[in-house]
Amino acid sequence: MKTIRWAEFVIDIFLAVDMILNFFTADIIDVDYEKSLSKIAITYLKSYFITDCISCLPGLIIAENIEGIHDKRRWVYYFKVVRYLQISRLFK
């Protein structure tokens, strides 16, 4: 179980760094690069920011800390689906 926690932690760090870099990475608009940091940030906030935030939630750690019925813990693992979608987007 500790190996899974470390893997989750490494993935969380990787995705958090990717979130930070997305605020500073130039966007391609039409045929030009957008270099204005404010416009890049606004574009990122309107596009993938929410899904990136959700994917950075450490689902396994949260699930272990929730006490109660198993059904209440099961919803936390749906965050992993968002994480896998973000990871697939990174490799495009």
Protein backbone atom coordinates (compact mmCIF):
# COMPACT_ATOMS: atom_id res chain seq x y z
CA MET A 1 0.00 0.00 0.00
CA LYS A 2 2.92 2.37 0.65
CA THR A 3 4.09 1.94 -2.95
CA ILE A 4 0.70 3.07 -4.20
CA ARG A 5 0.83 6.13 -1.92
CA TRP A 6 4.26 7.10 -3.26
CA ALA A 7 3.10 6.62 -6.84
CA GLU A 8 0.05 8.82 -6.13
CA PHE A 9 2.31 11.44 -4.54
CA VAL A 10 4.68 11.49 -7.52
CA ILE A 11 1.77 11.83 -9.93
CA ASP A 12 0.30 14.66 -7.82
CA ILE A 13 3.62 16.53 -7.88
CA PHE A 14 3.95 16.01 -11.64
CA LEU A 15 0.42 17.30 -12.28
CA ALA A 16 0.88 20.29 -9.95
CA VAL A 17 4.05 21.30 -11.80
CA ASP A 18 2.16 20.96 -15.07
CA MET A 19 -0.56 23.28 -13.71
CA ILE A 20 2.02 25.91 -12.83
CA LEU A 21 3.72 25.63 -16.21
CA ASN A 22 0.39 26.06 -18.00
CA PHE A 23 0.18 29.60 -16.63
CA PHE A 24 3.47 30.49 -18.35
CA THR A 25 3.30 28.50 -21.59
CA ALA A 26 2.55 30.45 -24.73
CA ASP A 27 -0.68 29.58 -26.53
CA ILE A 28 -1.14 29.36 -30.26
CA ILE A 29 -3.96 31.63 -31.39
CA ASP A 30 -4.62 31.47 -35.12
CA VAL A 31 -1.03 31.35 -36.41
CA ASP A 32 0.68 33.50 -33.77
CA TYR A 33 1.92 32.70 -30.29
CA GLU A 34 0.18 34.53 -27.46
CA LYS A 35 2.92 35.71 -25.10
CA SER A 36 0.89 37.94 -22.78
CA LEU A 37 0.86 36.22 -19.38
CA SER A 38 -2.53 37.64 -18.46
CA LYS A 39 -4.15 36.33 -21.65
CA ILE A 40 -2.44 32.96 -21.24
CA ALA A 41 -3.72 32.72 -17.66
CA ILE A 42 -7.27 33.67 -18.64
CA THR A 43 -7.26 31.13 -21.47
CA TYR A 44 -6.02 28.41 -19.11
CA LEU A 45 -8.55 29.32 -16.41
CA LYS A 46 -11.35 29.03 -18.99
CA SER A 47 -10.16 25.72 -20.39
CA TYR A 48 -8.51 23.01 -18.27
CA PHE A 49 -7.89 24.65 -14.90
CA ILE A 50 -10.85 23.08 -13.06
CA THR A 51 -10.10 19.57 -14.30
CA ASP A 52 -6.43 20.04 -13.48
CA CYS A 53 -7.32 21.08 -9.91
CA ILE A 54 -9.60 18.09 -9.46
CA SER A 55 -6.97 15.73 -10.80
CA CYS A 56 -4.44 16.99 -8.27
CA LEU A 57 -6.57 15.87 -5.35
CA PRO A 58 -4.83 12.92 -3.73
CA GLY A 59 -7.73 10.49 -4.05
CA LEU A 60 -6.20 7.56 -2.27
CA ILE A 61 -5.12 9.56 0.77
CA ILE A 62 -8.49 11.28 1.05
CA ALA A 63 -10.30 7.95 0.75
CA GLU A 64 -8.28 6.45 3.59
CA ASN A 65 -9.09 9.35 5.89
CA ILE A 66 -12.84 9.30 5.32
CA GLU A 67 -14.56 7.25 7.98
CA GLY A 68 -17.92 5.62 7.52
CA ILE A 69 -19.68 3.51 4.98
CA HIS A 70 -17.78 2.24 1.95
CA ASP A 71 -20.25 3.97 -0.38
CA LYS A 72 -19.16 7.36 0.95
CA ARG A 73 -15.54 6.59 0.10
CA ARG A 74 -16.27 5.32 -3.37
CA TRP A 75 -16.97 8.78 -4.84
CA VAL A 76 -13.38 9.82 -4.18
CA TYR A 77 -12.08 7.35 -6.73
CA TYR A 78 -13.99 9.14 -9.48
CA PHE A 79 -11.34 11.87 -9.20
CA LYS A 80 -8.87 9.33 -10.56
CA VAL A 81 -10.79 9.23 -13.84
CA VAL A 82 -10.15 12.94 -14.25
CA ARG A 83 -6.48 12.35 -13.40
CA TYR A 84 -6.16 9.73 -16.14
CA LEU A 85 -7.79 12.08 -18.63
CA GLN A 86 -5.27 14.79 -17.76
CA ILE A 87 -2.34 12.41 -18.04
CA SER A 88 -3.51 11.32 -21.49
CA ARG A 89 -3.78 15.01 -22.47
CA LEU A 90 -0.16 15.59 -21.38
CA PHE A 91 1.17 12.98 -23.77
CA LYS A 92 -0.51 14.48 -26.84
